Amino acid sequence: MTKNDVKELQALRQTKGRKERGIFAVEGNKLVEELMNSQFRVNNVFATEQWVEKNPVLAKRIADYEIITPKQMEQVSNFVTPPGIFATAMMPKYKIEPKDTENQLILLLDGINDPGNLGTIIRTADWFGIKNIVISEDTCDPWQPKVIQSTMGSILRTQIVETDVVKFLKEVKTPVFGALMQGKNVYHTQIKCNQGVIIIGSESHGIRDNVMPFVSYPINIPKAEGSQTESLNASVAAGIIISEVFRKNH
């Protein structure tokens, strides 16, 4: 691996670098193995000799990898202690249309800016069978390392499309549910698992004013009597709502 190769891989730490190259990186046994078993186009796999010695079975399955030094791995890794296996792949180009909401439930994220929250939401959606996720243009980059790591591989099984959510919602003809502080009790609301949109707003501002007009069914997660908690974490709220949809439909 040359110094230029190292710089190219380090550039993948930044959103600009990933978008310019159309490439993202994953690290660790689980994610690299899932990447190899996915439909993604894998560019390169790098490993240290120490990793190969500790993981002979997985190394044999991967087969096509390049050995690099521990120092080089430290230079390109996003971890303080690198796991020893690092891969790059092409970013997918998915397409989600407003009309798709007529035969599936789509999750729409408005301004989620915490990588851990976004990763957890993606992982939860995958668990409950929601495969299409639309995100606003200012939602944090789903292909950044922290998000990918927190999805535990779910990002490789879901389709995520960044778009102008207002433009998207203008063309939606199905029910649009919005998670709000004020709304109908989600436990008393029927949401089909094969039609419509569920909107989850940002951690600090919730669903924004320009998106609110498209919410046809405001929904709320009731809190216990006497609870002084002001709000729920965005990923927790998403999990509760999606779980309730799944429970009602199964």
C-alpha atoms as a PDB file:
ATOM      1  CA  MET A   1       0.000   0.000   0.000  1.00  0.00           C
ATOM      2  CA  THR A   2       1.449   3.359  -1.064  1.00  0.00           C
ATOM      3  CA  LYS A   3       1.197   6.662   0.806  1.00  0.00           C
ATOM      4  CA  ASN A   4      -1.306   7.787  -1.817  1.00  0.00           C
ATOM      5  CA  ASP A   5      -3.413   4.676  -1.157  1.00  0.00           C
ATOM      6  CA  VAL A   6      -3.415   5.529   2.533  1.00  0.00           C
ATOM      7  CA  LYS A   7      -4.574   9.086   1.783  1.00  0.00           C
ATOM      8  CA  GLU A   8      -7.359   7.787  -0.463  1.00  0.00           C
ATOM      9  CA  LEU A   9      -8.648   5.509   2.271  1.00  0.00           C
ATOM     10  CA  GLN A  10      -8.366   8.232   4.902  1.00  0.00           C
ATOM     11  CA  ALA A  11     -10.483  10.471   2.655  1.00  0.00           C
ATOM     12  CA  LEU A  12     -13.376   8.035   3.168  1.00  0.00           C
ATOM     13  CA  ARG A  13     -13.683   9.303   6.735  1.00  0.00           C
ATOM     14  CA  GLN A  14     -15.286  12.482   5.395  1.00  0.00           C
ATOM     15  CA  THR A  15     -18.668  12.794   3.678  1.00  0.00           C
ATOM     16  CA  LYS A  16     -17.100  14.800   0.849  1.00  0.00           C
ATOM     17  CA  GLY A  17     -14.462  12.140   0.259  1.00  0.00           C
ATOM     18  CA  ARG A  18     -17.038   9.350   0.181  1.00  0.00           C
ATOM     19  CA  LYS A  19     -19.386  11.186  -2.169  1.00  0.00           C
ATOM     20  CA  GLU A  20     -16.633  12.226  -4.573  1.00  0.00           C
ATOM     21  CA  ARG A  21     -15.421   8.631  -4.860  1.00  0.00           C
ATOM     22  CA  GLY A  22     -18.765   6.887  -4.431  1.00  0.00           C
ATOM     23  CA  ILE A  23     -17.080   4.568  -1.943  1.00  0.00           C
ATOM     24  CA  PHE A  24     -17.577   3.707   1.723  1.00  0.00           C
ATOM     25  CA  ALA A  25     -15.587   1.584   4.176  1.00  0.00           C
ATOM     26  CA  VAL A  26     -16.436  -1.087   6.737  1.00  0.00           C
ATOM     27  CA  GLU A  27     -14.323  -2.717   9.429  1.00  0.00           C
ATOM     28  CA  GLY A  28     -14.454  -5.758  11.645  1.00  0.00           C
ATOM     29  CA  ASN A  29     -15.225  -9.424  11.070  1.00  0.00           C
ATOM     30  CA  LYS A  30     -19.032  -9.208  11.133  1.00  0.00           C
ATOM     31  CA  LEU A  31     -19.414  -6.229   8.815  1.00  0.00           C
ATOM     32  CA  VAL A  32     -16.785  -7.339   6.318  1.00  0.00           C
ATOM     33  CA  GLU A  33     -18.275 -10.841   6.180  1.00  0.00           C
ATOM     34  CA  GLU A  34     -21.777  -9.415   5.673  1.00  0.00           C
ATOM     35  CA  LEU A  35     -20.441  -7.107   2.974  1.00  0.00           C
ATOM     36  CA  MET A  36     -18.861 -10.060   1.158  1.00  0.00           C
ATOM     37  CA  ASN A  37     -22.184 -11.924   1.293  1.00  0.00           C
ATOM     38  CA  SER A  38     -24.192  -8.929   0.071  1.00  0.00           C
ATOM     39  CA  GLN A  39     -24.970  -7.672  -3.430  1.00  0.00           C
ATOM     40  CA  PHE A  40     -22.606  -4.723  -2.975  1.00  0.00           C
ATOM     41  CA  ARG A  41     -19.678  -4.277  -5.313  1.00  0.00           C
ATOM     42  CA  VAL A  42     -16.595  -4.761  -3.130  1.00  0.00           C
ATOM     43  CA  ASN A  43     -13.500  -2.822  -4.167  1.00  0.00           C
ATOM     44  CA  ASN A  44     -10.748  -3.919  -1.805  1.00  0.00           C
ATOM     45  CA  VAL A  45     -10.213  -5.881   1.373  1.00  0.00           C
ATOM     46  CA  PHE A  46      -7.163  -5.232   3.548  1.00  0.00           C
ATOM     47  CA  ALA A  47      -5.971  -7.299   6.482  1.00  0.00           C
ATOM     48  CA  THR A  48      -2.936  -7.596   8.718  1.00  0.00           C
ATOM     49  CA  GLU A  49      -0.982 -10.840   9.026  1.00  0.00           C
ATOM     50  CA  GLN A  50      -1.961 -11.002  12.689  1.00  0.00           C
ATOM     51  CA  TRP A  51      -5.639 -10.882  11.723  1.00  0.00           C
ATOM     52  CA  VAL A  52      -5.202 -13.690   9.185  1.00  0.00           C
ATOM     53  CA  GLU A  53      -3.478 -15.852  11.792  1.00  0.00           C
ATOM     54  CA  LYS A  54      -6.350 -15.305  14.257  1.00  0.00           C
ATOM     55  CA  ASN A  55      -9.130 -15.728  11.671  1.00  0.00           C
ATOM     56  CA  PRO A  56      -8.020 -18.453   9.224  1.00  0.00           C
ATOM     57  CA  VAL A  57     -11.551 -19.658   8.414  1.00  0.00           C
ATOM     58  CA  LEU A  58     -12.898 -16.204   7.552  1.00  0.00           C
ATOM     59  CA  ALA A  59      -9.676 -15.322   5.719  1.00  0.00           C
ATOM     60  CA  LYS A  60     -10.124 -18.407   3.556  1.00  0.00           C
ATOM     61  CA  ARG A  61     -13.714 -17.450   2.755  1.00  0.00           C
ATOM     62  CA  ILE A  62     -12.725 -13.922   1.779  1.00  0.00           C
ATOM     63  CA  ALA A  63      -9.729 -15.215  -0.200  1.00  0.00           C
ATOM     64  CA  ASP A  64      -9.053 -12.029  -2.177  1.00  0.00           C
ATOM     65  CA  TYR A  65      -7.452  -9.627   0.289  1.00  0.00           C
ATOM     66  CA  GLU A  66      -4.280  -7.586   0.507  1.00  0.00           C
ATOM     67  CA  ILE A  67      -1.905  -7.841   3.454  1.00  0.00           C
ATOM     68  CA  ILE A  68      -0.903  -4.493   4.971  1.00  0.00           C
ATOM     69  CA  THR A  69       1.198  -3.612   8.005  1.00  0.00           C
ATOM     70  CA  PRO A  70      -0.272  -2.865  11.438  1.00  0.00           C
ATOM     71  CA  LYS A  71       0.940   0.733  11.035  1.00  0.00           C
ATOM     72  CA  GLN A  72      -0.911   1.119   7.731  1.00  0.00           C
ATOM     73  CA  MET A  73      -4.032  -0.380   9.290  1.00  0.00           C
ATOM     74  CA  GLU A  74      -3.824   2.176  12.104  1.00  0.00           C
ATOM     75  CA  GLN A  75      -3.521   4.956   9.532  1.00  0.00           C
ATOM     76  CA  VAL A  76      -6.687   3.983   7.655  1.00  0.00           C
ATOM     77  CA  SER A  77      -8.796   2.568  10.489  1.00  0.00           C
ATOM     78  CA  ASN A  78     -11.571   4.516  12.209  1.00  0.00           C
ATOM     79  CA  PHE A  79     -10.921   2.663  15.468  1.00  0.00           C
ATOM     80  CA  VAL A  80      -8.441   3.477  18.219  1.00  0.00           C
ATOM     81  CA  THR A  81      -7.662  -0.235  18.234  1.00  0.00           C
ATOM     82  CA  PRO A  82      -8.142  -1.469  14.641  1.00  0.00           C
ATOM     83  CA  PRO A  83      -9.887  -4.843  14.263  1.00  0.00           C
ATOM     84  CA  GLY A  84      -7.361  -5.805  11.565  1.00  0.00           C
ATOM     85  CA  ILE A  85      -9.761  -6.199   8.638  1.00  0.00           C
ATOM     86  CA  PHE A  86     -10.877  -3.259   6.465  1.00  0.00           C
ATOM     87  CA  ALA A  87     -12.914  -3.254   3.240  1.00  0.00           C
ATOM     88  CA  THR A  88     -14.235  -0.708   0.758  1.00  0.00           C
ATOM     89  CA  ALA A  89     -17.276  -0.950  -1.506  1.00  0.00           C
ATOM     90  CA  MET A  90     -19.268   1.139  -3.962  1.00  0.00           C
ATOM     91  CA  MET A  91     -22.153   3.172  -2.607  1.00  0.00           C
ATOM     92  CA  PRO A  92     -25.471   1.818  -3.908  1.00  0.00           C
ATOM     93  CA  LYS A  93     -27.808   3.909  -6.045  1.00  0.00           C
ATOM     94  CA  TYR A  94     -31.318   3.222  -4.842  1.00  0.00           C
ATOM     95  CA  LYS A  95     -34.547   4.833  -5.950  1.00  0.00           C
ATOM     96  CA  ILE A  96     -37.626   5.248  -3.758  1.00  0.00           C
ATOM     97  CA  GLU A  97     -40.688   6.860  -5.351  1.00  0.00           C
ATOM     98  CA  PRO A  98     -43.726   8.433  -3.602  1.00  0.00           C
ATOM     99  CA  LYS A  99     -45.921   5.833  -5.334  1.00  0.00           C
ATOM    100  CA  ASP A 100     -43.973   3.088  -3.523  1.00  0.00           C
ATOM    101  CA  THR A 101     -45.878   4.067  -0.376  1.00  0.00           C
ATOM    102  CA  GLU A 102     -48.976   2.512  -1.934  1.00  0.00           C
ATOM    103  CA  ASN A 103     -47.687  -1.018  -1.344  1.00  0.00           C
ATOM    104  CA  GLN A 104     -45.203  -0.652   1.503  1.00  0.00           C
ATOM    105  CA  LEU A 105     -44.625   1.329   4.677  1.00  0.00           C
ATOM    106  CA  ILE A 106     -41.745   3.768   4.263  1.00  0.00           C
ATOM    107  CA  LEU A 107     -39.835   5.436   7.075  1.00  0.00           C
ATOM    108  CA  LEU A 108     -38.938   9.101   6.517  1.00  0.00           C
ATOM    109  CA  LEU A 109     -36.295  10.769   8.702  1.00  0.00           C
ATOM    110  CA  ASP A 110     -36.345  14.542   8.963  1.00  0.00           C
ATOM    111  CA  GLY A 111     -33.028  15.998  10.108  1.00  0.00           C
ATOM    112  CA  ILE A 112     -31.669  13.148  12.245  1.00  0.00           C
ATOM    113  CA  ASN A 113     -28.135  14.341  12.962  1.00  0.00           C
ATOM    114  CA  ASP A 114     -26.792  11.889  15.525  1.00  0.00           C
ATOM    115  CA  PRO A 115     -24.952   8.955  13.865  1.00  0.00           C
ATOM    116  CA  GLY A 116     -25.794   6.571  16.689  1.00  0.00           C
ATOM    117  CA  ASN A 117     -29.490   7.403  16.468  1.00  0.00           C
ATOM    118  CA  LEU A 118     -29.538   7.002  12.701  1.00  0.00           C
ATOM    119  CA  GLY A 119     -27.728   3.672  12.876  1.00  0.00           C
ATOM    120  CA  THR A 120     -30.086   2.390  15.559  1.00  0.00           C
ATOM    121  CA  ILE A 121     -33.149   3.451  13.548  1.00  0.00           C
ATOM    122  CA  ILE A 122     -31.829   1.644  10.459  1.00  0.00           C
ATOM    123  CA  ARG A 123     -31.145  -1.480  12.516  1.00  0.00           C
ATOM    124  CA  THR A 124     -34.617  -1.340  14.105  1.00  0.00           C
ATOM    125  CA  ALA A 125     -36.328  -0.828  10.746  1.00  0.00           C
ATOM    126  CA  ASP A 126     -34.487  -3.844   9.362  1.00  0.00           C
ATOM    127  CA  TRP A 127     -35.529  -5.946  12.374  1.00  0.00           C
ATOM    128  CA  PHE A 128     -39.206  -5.167  11.786  1.00  0.00           C
ATOM    129  CA  GLY A 129     -39.072  -5.583   8.023  1.00  0.00           C
ATOM    130  CA  ILE A 130     -39.047  -1.958   6.848  1.00  0.00           C
ATOM    131  CA  LYS A 131     -36.627  -1.965   3.938  1.00  0.00           C
ATOM    132  CA  ASN A 132     -37.025   1.522   2.442  1.00  0.00           C
ATOM    133  CA  ILE A 133     -35.929   4.631   4.325  1.00  0.00           C
ATOM    134  CA  VAL A 134     -36.061   8.179   2.975  1.00  0.00           C
ATOM    135  CA  ILE A 135     -33.820  10.749   4.676  1.00  0.00           C
ATOM    136  CA  SER A 136     -33.705  14.527   4.399  1.00  0.00           C
ATOM    137  CA  GLU A 137     -30.703  16.155   2.787  1.00  0.00           C
ATOM    138  CA  ASP A 138     -29.446  17.388   6.149  1.00  0.00           C
ATOM    139  CA  THR A 139     -29.748  14.048   7.925  1.00  0.00           C
ATOM    140  CA  CYS A 140     -26.270  12.779   8.768  1.00  0.00           C
ATOM    141  CA  ASP A 141     -24.546  10.695   6.113  1.00  0.00           C
ATOM    142  CA  PRO A 142     -25.643   7.048   6.516  1.00  0.00           C
ATOM    143  CA  TRP A 143     -22.358   5.843   4.998  1.00  0.00           C
ATOM    144  CA  GLN A 144     -20.149   7.338   7.666  1.00  0.00           C
ATOM    145  CA  PRO A 145     -18.300   4.805   9.848  1.00  0.00           C
ATOM    146  CA  LYS A 146     -20.205   5.514  13.081  1.00  0.00           C
ATOM    147  CA  VAL A 147     -23.568   4.953  11.416  1.00  0.00           C
ATOM    148  CA  ILE A 148     -22.447   1.813   9.603  1.00  0.00           C
ATOM    149  CA  GLN A 149     -20.995   0.347  12.785  1.00  0.00           C
ATOM    150  CA  SER A 150     -24.143   1.014  14.807  1.00  0.00           C
ATOM    151  CA  THR A 151     -26.375  -0.649  12.188  1.00  0.00           C
ATOM    152  CA  MET A 152     -24.517  -3.928  12.781  1.00  0.00           C
ATOM    153  CA  GLY A 153     -24.912  -4.808   9.097  1.00  0.00           C
ATOM    154  CA  SER A 154     -28.517  -3.659   8.623  1.00  0.00           C
ATOM    155  CA  ILE A 155     -27.393  -0.876   6.297  1.00  0.00           C
ATOM    156  CA  LEU A 156     -26.439  -3.594   3.827  1.00  0.00           C
ATOM    157  CA  ARG A 157     -30.006  -4.929   3.846  1.00  0.00           C
ATOM    158  CA  THR A 158     -32.023  -1.706   3.680  1.00  0.00           C
ATOM    159  CA  GLN A 159     -32.426   0.877   0.949  1.00  0.00           C
ATOM    160  CA  ILE A 160     -31.699   4.440   2.041  1.00  0.00           C
ATOM    161  CA  VAL A 161     -32.340   7.391  -0.235  1.00  0.00           C
ATOM    162  CA  GLU A 162     -31.407  11.001   0.507  1.00  0.00           C
ATOM    163  CA  THR A 163     -33.802  13.447  -1.106  1.00  0.00           C
ATOM    164  CA  ASP A 164     -35.794  16.660  -0.812  1.00  0.00           C
ATOM    165  CA  VAL A 165     -38.409  15.313   1.594  1.00  0.00           C
ATOM    166  CA  VAL A 166     -40.882  18.149   0.965  1.00  0.00           C
ATOM    167  CA  LYS A 167     -40.853  17.416  -2.755  1.00  0.00           C
ATOM    168  CA  PHE A 168     -41.204  13.700  -1.980  1.00  0.00           C
ATOM    169  CA  LEU A 169     -44.151  14.196   0.389  1.00  0.00           C
ATOM    170  CA  LYS A 170     -45.980  16.475  -2.063  1.00  0.00           C
ATOM    171  CA  GLU A 171     -46.496  13.461  -4.315  1.00  0.00           C
ATOM    172  CA  VAL A 172     -47.468  10.967  -1.606  1.00  0.00           C
ATOM    173  CA  LYS A 173     -51.130   9.902  -1.870  1.00  0.00           C
ATOM    174  CA  THR A 174     -51.197   7.588   1.141  1.00  0.00           C
ATOM    175  CA  PRO A 175     -51.488   8.259   4.912  1.00  0.00           C
ATOM    176  CA  VAL A 176     -48.551  10.145   6.440  1.00  0.00           C
ATOM    177  CA  PHE A 177     -48.033   9.569  10.162  1.00  0.00           C
ATOM    178  CA  GLY A 178     -45.867  11.984  12.119  1.00  0.00           C
ATOM    179  CA  ALA A 179     -44.356  11.353  15.558  1.00  0.00           C
ATOM    180  CA  LEU A 180     -45.246  14.445  17.600  1.00  0.00           C
ATOM    181  CA  MET A 181     -45.583  15.547  21.209  1.00  0.00           C
ATOM    182  CA  GLN A 182     -49.267  16.128  20.527  1.00  0.00           C
ATOM    183  CA  GLY A 183     -51.232  13.611  18.491  1.00  0.00           C
ATOM    184  CA  LYS A 184     -53.428  10.543  18.648  1.00  0.00           C
ATOM    185  CA  ASN A 185     -52.225   7.792  20.965  1.00  0.00           C
ATOM    186  CA  VAL A 186     -50.151   5.438  18.783  1.00  0.00           C
ATOM    187  CA  TYR A 187     -51.585   2.463  20.695  1.00  0.00           C
ATOM    188  CA  HIS A 188     -55.062   3.466  19.520  1.00  0.00           C
ATOM    189  CA  THR A 189     -54.020   4.160  15.920  1.00  0.00           C
ATOM    190  CA  GLN A 190     -54.193   1.656  13.093  1.00  0.00           C
ATOM    191  CA  ILE A 191     -51.170   1.887  10.800  1.00  0.00           C
ATOM    192  CA  LYS A 192     -50.903  -0.576   7.940  1.00  0.00           C
ATOM    193  CA  CYS A 193     -47.561  -2.323   7.540  1.00  0.00           C
ATOM    194  CA  ASN A 194     -47.842  -2.222   3.738  1.00  0.00           C
ATOM    195  CA  GLN A 195     -48.868   1.349   3.030  1.00  0.00           C
ATOM    196  CA  GLY A 196     -47.979   4.918   3.977  1.00  0.00           C
ATOM    197  CA  VAL A 197     -45.200   6.925   5.570  1.00  0.00           C
ATOM    198  CA  ILE A 198     -43.996   7.331   9.152  1.00  0.00           C
ATOM    199  CA  ILE A 199     -42.021  10.522   9.818  1.00  0.00           C
ATOM    200  CA  ILE A 200     -39.510  10.764  12.655  1.00  0.00           C
ATOM    201  CA  GLY A 201     -38.152  14.242  13.326  1.00  0.00           C
ATOM    202  CA  SER A 202     -34.782  15.407  14.597  1.00  0.00           C
ATOM    203  CA  GLU A 203     -33.576  14.939  18.151  1.00  0.00           C
ATOM    204  CA  SER A 204     -33.758  18.639  19.000  1.00  0.00           C
ATOM    205  CA  HIS A 205     -36.491  20.117  16.761  1.00  0.00           C
ATOM    206  CA  GLY A 206     -38.808  17.237  15.952  1.00  0.00           C
ATOM    207  CA  ILE A 207     -40.654  17.376  12.627  1.00  0.00           C
ATOM    208  CA  ARG A 208     -39.951  20.749  11.041  1.00  0.00           C
ATOM    209  CA  ASP A 209     -42.465  23.406  10.015  1.00  0.00           C
ATOM    210  CA  ASN A 210     -42.014  22.852   6.255  1.00  0.00           C
ATOM    211  CA  VAL A 211     -42.745  19.137   6.676  1.00  0.00           C
ATOM    212  CA  MET A 212     -45.643  19.442   9.126  1.00  0.00           C
ATOM    213  CA  PRO A 213     -48.316  20.311   6.494  1.00  0.00           C
ATOM    214  CA  PHE A 214     -47.877  16.845   4.993  1.00  0.00           C
ATOM    215  CA  VAL A 215     -48.586  14.998   8.250  1.00  0.00           C
ATOM    216  CA  SER A 216     -52.148  13.732   7.857  1.00  0.00           C
ATOM    217  CA  TYR A 217     -52.116  11.675  11.073  1.00  0.00           C
ATOM    218  CA  PRO A 218     -50.185  13.091  14.053  1.00  0.00           C
ATOM    219  CA  ILE A 219     -49.318  10.297  16.492  1.00  0.00           C
ATOM    220  CA  ASN A 220     -48.020  10.421  20.025  1.00  0.00           C
ATOM    221  CA  ILE A 221     -46.374   7.964  22.413  1.00  0.00           C
ATOM    222  CA  PRO A 222     -48.114   8.532  25.752  1.00  0.00           C
ATOM    223  CA  LYS A 223     -45.988   8.773  28.873  1.00  0.00           C
ATOM    224  CA  ALA A 224     -46.791   7.506  32.323  1.00  0.00           C
ATOM    225  CA  GLU A 225     -48.833   9.714  34.601  1.00  0.00           C
ATOM    226  CA  GLY A 226     -46.521  11.923  36.635  1.00  0.00           C
ATOM    227  CA  SER A 227     -43.534  11.443  34.315  1.00  0.00           C
ATOM    228  CA  GLN A 228     -41.391  14.598  34.100  1.00  0.00           C
ATOM    229  CA  THR A 229     -39.416  13.470  31.040  1.00  0.00           C
ATOM    230  CA  GLU A 230     -39.830  16.035  28.272  1.00  0.00           C
ATOM    231  CA  SER A 231     -39.201  13.826  25.248  1.00  0.00           C
ATOM    232  CA  LEU A 232     -37.945  10.500  23.939  1.00  0.00           C
ATOM    233  CA  ASN A 233     -34.738   9.819  22.066  1.00  0.00           C
ATOM    234  CA  ALA A 234     -35.474   9.760  18.303  1.00  0.00           C
ATOM    235  CA  SER A 235     -34.312   6.174  17.839  1.00  0.00           C
ATOM    236  CA  VAL A 236     -36.301   4.986  20.869  1.00  0.00           C
ATOM    237  CA  ALA A 237     -39.442   6.727  19.573  1.00  0.00           C
ATOM    238  CA  ALA A 238     -38.948   5.156  16.149  1.00  0.00           C
ATOM    239  CA  GLY A 239     -38.505   1.738  17.746  1.00  0.00           C
ATOM    240  CA  ILE A 240     -41.680   2.007  19.826  1.00  0.00           C
ATOM    241  CA  ILE A 241     -43.797   3.162  16.885  1.00  0.00           C
ATOM    242  CA  ILE A 242     -42.461   0.571  14.429  1.00  0.00           C
ATOM    243  CA  SER A 243     -42.850  -2.171  17.022  1.00  0.00           C
ATOM    244  CA  GLU A 244     -46.478  -1.173  17.613  1.00  0.00           C
ATOM    245  CA  VAL A 245     -47.168  -1.234  13.861  1.00  0.00           C
ATOM    246  CA  PHE A 246     -45.640  -4.700  13.672  1.00  0.00           C
ATOM    247  CA  ARG A 247     -47.645  -5.924  16.687  1.00  0.00           C
ATOM    248  CA  LYS A 248     -50.969  -4.698  15.291  1.00  0.00           C
ATOM    249  CA  ASN A 249     -50.369  -6.249  11.877  1.00  0.00           C
ATOM    250  CA  HIS A 250     -49.084  -9.592  13.106  1.00  0.00           C
END
